[in-house]
Protein backbone atom coordinates (compact mmCIF):
# COMPACT_ATOMS: atom_id res chain seq x y z
CA MET A 1 -12.78 -185.83 -158.38
CA LEU A 2 -9.91 -183.49 -157.75
CA THR A 3 -6.52 -184.83 -157.04
CA ASP A 4 -4.66 -183.73 -153.95
CA TYR A 5 -1.58 -181.67 -154.48
CA GLN A 6 1.37 -181.57 -152.19
CA ILE A 7 2.04 -178.04 -150.91
CA SER A 8 5.67 -177.34 -150.30
CA GLU A 9 6.83 -175.00 -147.56
CA SER A 10 8.45 -172.76 -150.12
CA ALA A 11 4.99 -172.05 -151.57
CA ILE A 12 3.71 -170.63 -148.25
CA PRO A 13 4.69 -166.98 -148.01
CA LYS A 14 6.69 -166.15 -144.90
CA LYS A 15 5.55 -163.27 -142.69
CA THR A 16 7.62 -160.22 -143.11
CA ARG A 17 9.14 -158.48 -140.15
CA TYR A 18 6.46 -155.77 -140.41
CA GLU A 19 3.63 -158.31 -140.33
CA ARG A 20 5.03 -159.83 -137.15
CA ILE A 21 5.22 -156.42 -135.41
CA VAL A 22 1.72 -155.20 -136.36
CA PRO A 23 -0.15 -157.03 -133.55
CA TYR A 24 2.17 -155.48 -130.95
CA ILE A 25 1.70 -152.01 -132.43
CA GLU A 26 -2.09 -152.48 -132.42
CA PHE A 27 -1.97 -153.61 -128.79
CA ILE A 28 0.07 -150.55 -127.78
CA LEU A 29 -2.33 -148.24 -129.65
CA LEU A 30 -5.28 -149.89 -127.92
CA LEU A 31 -3.67 -149.27 -124.52
CA ILE A 32 -3.06 -145.62 -125.42
CA ILE A 33 -6.70 -145.21 -126.47
CA LEU A 34 -7.93 -146.79 -123.23
CA GLN A 35 -5.64 -144.58 -121.17
CA SER A 36 -6.90 -141.50 -123.03
CA ALA A 37 -10.49 -142.52 -122.36
CA LEU A 38 -9.75 -142.92 -118.64
CA ILE A 39 -8.06 -139.53 -118.51
CA PHE A 40 -11.06 -137.99 -120.28
CA MET A 41 -13.50 -139.60 -117.85
CA THR A 42 -11.63 -138.45 -114.76
CA SER A 43 -10.68 -134.98 -116.01
CA GLY A 44 -14.27 -133.72 -115.80
CA ALA A 45 -14.49 -134.98 -112.25
CA ALA A 46 -12.04 -132.39 -111.00
CA GLU A 47 -13.81 -130.50 -108.27
CA ASP A 48 -13.11 -127.31 -106.45
CA GLU A 49 -10.89 -127.62 -103.41
CA GLU A 50 -13.67 -125.85 -101.50
CA VAL A 51 -16.20 -128.63 -102.03
CA ILE A 52 -18.12 -129.71 -98.93
CA ARG A 53 -19.30 -133.27 -98.58
CA PHE A 54 -21.76 -134.97 -96.28
CA ARG A 55 -21.28 -138.50 -94.99
CA LEU A 56 -23.79 -140.55 -93.01
CA LEU A 57 -22.32 -143.63 -91.28
CA ALA A 58 -24.65 -146.37 -90.06
CA HIS A 59 -24.08 -148.16 -86.76
CA SER A 60 -23.61 -151.53 -88.53
CA ASN A 61 -24.60 -153.40 -91.67
CA ALA A 62 -27.57 -155.01 -89.94
CA GLN A 63 -30.88 -154.48 -91.75
CA VAL A 64 -32.30 -152.48 -88.83
CA ASP A 65 -29.31 -150.13 -88.71
CA GLN A 66 -29.37 -149.60 -92.47
CA GLN A 67 -33.08 -148.74 -92.26
CA VAL A 68 -32.26 -146.20 -89.53
CA LYS A 69 -29.61 -144.67 -91.81
CA LEU A 70 -32.07 -144.45 -94.71
CA ALA A 71 -34.75 -142.88 -92.48
CA ILE A 72 -32.29 -140.24 -91.25
CA GLN A 73 -31.10 -139.61 -94.80
CA ALA A 74 -34.68 -139.09 -95.99
CA GLU A 75 -35.29 -136.56 -93.19
CA ILE A 76 -32.07 -134.52 -93.50
CA GLU A 77 -31.77 -134.51 -97.29
CA PRO A 78 -34.44 -131.79 -97.71
CA LEU A 79 -32.67 -129.69 -95.06
CA ILE A 80 -29.38 -129.94 -96.96
CA GLN A 81 -31.08 -129.28 -100.29
CA ASN A 82 -32.68 -126.14 -98.86
CA ALA A 83 -29.30 -124.94 -97.54
CA VAL A 84 -27.73 -125.55 -100.97
CA ALA A 85 -30.60 -123.88 -102.84
CA THR A 86 -30.40 -120.71 -100.76
CA SER A 87 -26.60 -120.43 -101.07
CA GLN A 88 -24.83 -118.40 -103.73
CA SER A 89 -21.25 -119.02 -102.56
CA VAL A 90 -19.26 -121.51 -100.53
CA SER A 91 -19.06 -119.18 -97.52
CA GLU A 92 -22.83 -118.69 -97.59
CA LEU A 93 -23.28 -122.47 -97.84
CA GLU A 94 -21.01 -122.97 -94.81
CA THR A 95 -23.12 -120.50 -92.83
CA ASN A 96 -26.38 -122.18 -93.89
CA LEU A 97 -25.05 -125.64 -93.00
CA ALA A 98 -23.80 -124.45 -89.62
CA ALA A 99 -27.29 -123.07 -88.94
CA ILE A 100 -28.94 -126.48 -89.51
CA GLU A 101 -26.41 -128.60 -87.58
CA LYS A 102 -28.56 -128.65 -84.43
CA THR A 103 -31.66 -129.62 -86.44
CA ILE A 104 -29.76 -132.45 -88.14
CA ILE A 105 -28.65 -133.83 -84.76
CA GLU A 106 -32.22 -133.63 -83.40
CA VAL A 107 -33.67 -135.40 -86.45
CA ALA A 108 -31.00 -138.11 -86.26
CA SER A 109 -31.57 -138.58 -82.52
CA VAL A 110 -35.28 -139.21 -83.09
CA HIS A 111 -34.57 -142.06 -85.55
CA SER A 112 -31.38 -143.49 -83.97
CA ASN A 113 -33.00 -146.27 -81.84
CA GLY A 114 -31.03 -145.16 -78.79
CA ASN A 115 -27.63 -145.10 -80.54
CA SER A 116 -25.41 -142.10 -79.96
CA ILE A 117 -25.27 -139.42 -82.66
CA LYS A 118 -22.17 -137.43 -83.49
CA LEU A 119 -21.95 -134.69 -86.14
CA GLU A 120 -18.54 -133.24 -86.87
CA ARG A 121 -16.89 -131.25 -89.61
CA LYS A 122 -13.41 -132.40 -90.56
CA GLU A 123 -11.20 -133.67 -93.37
CA ALA A 124 -12.34 -137.19 -94.24
CA LEU A 125 -11.29 -139.85 -96.73
CA PHE A 126 -13.97 -140.52 -99.35
CA PRO A 127 -14.03 -143.59 -101.56
CA PRO A 128 -14.06 -143.28 -105.36
CA LYS A 129 -17.46 -142.67 -106.90
CA ARG A 130 -18.75 -142.66 -110.45
CA SER A 131 -21.02 -139.80 -111.47
CA GLY A 132 -22.17 -140.23 -115.06
CA PHE A 133 -19.06 -140.71 -117.19
CA PHE A 134 -16.78 -139.18 -114.58
CA ILE A 135 -14.96 -140.97 -111.81
CA HIS A 136 -14.34 -139.02 -108.63
CA PRO A 137 -11.10 -140.41 -107.17
CA GLN A 138 -10.60 -141.36 -103.55
CA SER A 139 -9.28 -138.37 -101.65
CA MET A 140 -9.55 -136.26 -98.51
CA HIS A 141 -12.39 -133.72 -98.45
CA ASP A 142 -13.81 -131.12 -96.12
CA SER A 143 -16.95 -132.81 -94.87
CA TYR A 144 -19.70 -133.15 -92.34
CA ILE A 145 -19.75 -136.64 -90.86
CA LEU A 146 -22.87 -137.83 -89.08
CA THR A 147 -22.05 -141.03 -87.18
CA ILE A 148 -24.79 -143.25 -85.76
CA GLY A 149 -23.53 -145.39 -82.88
CA SER A 150 -20.18 -147.00 -83.74
CA GLY A 151 -20.34 -145.91 -87.41
CA ARG A 152 -19.07 -149.26 -88.70
CA GLY A 153 -21.81 -149.85 -91.26
CA ASP A 154 -22.17 -148.91 -94.89
CA ASN A 155 -22.41 -145.22 -95.50
CA TRP A 156 -24.22 -142.73 -97.70
CA TRP A 157 -22.33 -139.71 -98.95
CA CYS A 158 -22.69 -136.87 -101.36
CA SER A 159 -20.95 -133.74 -102.48
CA ILE A 160 -22.96 -130.70 -101.49
CA PHE A 161 -21.27 -128.05 -103.62
CA PRO A 162 -21.24 -128.66 -106.62
CA LYS A 163 -24.39 -130.73 -106.56
CA ILE A 164 -23.38 -134.35 -107.11
CA CYS A 165 -25.95 -136.00 -104.88
CA PHE A 166 -28.69 -133.58 -105.93
CA PRO A 167 -28.47 -133.54 -109.75
CA GLU A 168 -30.80 -131.13 -111.44
CA GLN A 169 -33.22 -133.02 -113.64
CA ALA A 170 -33.99 -131.25 -116.88
CA PRO A 171 -37.23 -132.26 -118.58
CA LYS A 172 -36.46 -134.43 -121.57
CA GLU A 173 -38.15 -133.73 -124.85
CA GLU A 174 -38.73 -136.80 -126.93
CA GLU A 175 -37.76 -136.47 -130.55
CA GLU A 176 -39.86 -138.09 -133.20
CA VAL A 177 -37.93 -140.86 -134.89
CA THR A 178 -37.99 -140.66 -138.68
CA PHE A 179 -36.32 -142.69 -141.38
CA PHE A 180 -34.75 -140.89 -144.31
CA ILE A 181 -35.77 -143.42 -146.95
CA TRP A 182 -39.38 -143.58 -145.74
CA GLU A 183 -39.61 -139.78 -145.67
CA TRP A 184 -38.14 -139.64 -149.19
CA ILE A 185 -40.66 -142.22 -150.49
CA LYS A 186 -43.55 -140.32 -148.90
CA GLY A 187 -42.24 -137.10 -150.45
CA VAL A 188 -42.02 -138.68 -153.93
CA PHE A 189 -45.58 -140.00 -153.89
CA SER A 190 -47.29 -137.04 -152.25
């Protein structure tokens, strides 16, 4: 059996001044890294000042009113996509959207359950939105606002130019997964 030895305080090494400061330095470096990551994520979200957005406001948050909003969205989304697809510039997009305003109001009126419909183009405040790794900050944007009834319910919105709400889906090619060691062993014995 081992005997216990008394450890004196002089035998325990004292932390140097540098060792006491290291955790604070690491914390500050961590904050700088996090800030850099946030700047990186929001820097790609910078959009043109000429971006046009579309906002669809439901009458209320009731299930029926949200279903009305989704039905209207499903009907007008192809109209907006067609206007975007046939536009080569912002001015051409504005012309194409102005041409379909009456159709959008008619489609919304059919699904509105008797609520009033109002479509207007103005500067509107949009909440922040995440698109991939980028965060689009809350700001004022030129937009079309389609209001159903009182417009106090949850909303659906998208940026029409560039295409945030209509991302282009590229076909993904699946790569075959291989392991270096297994491939090397097969190569040795073949």
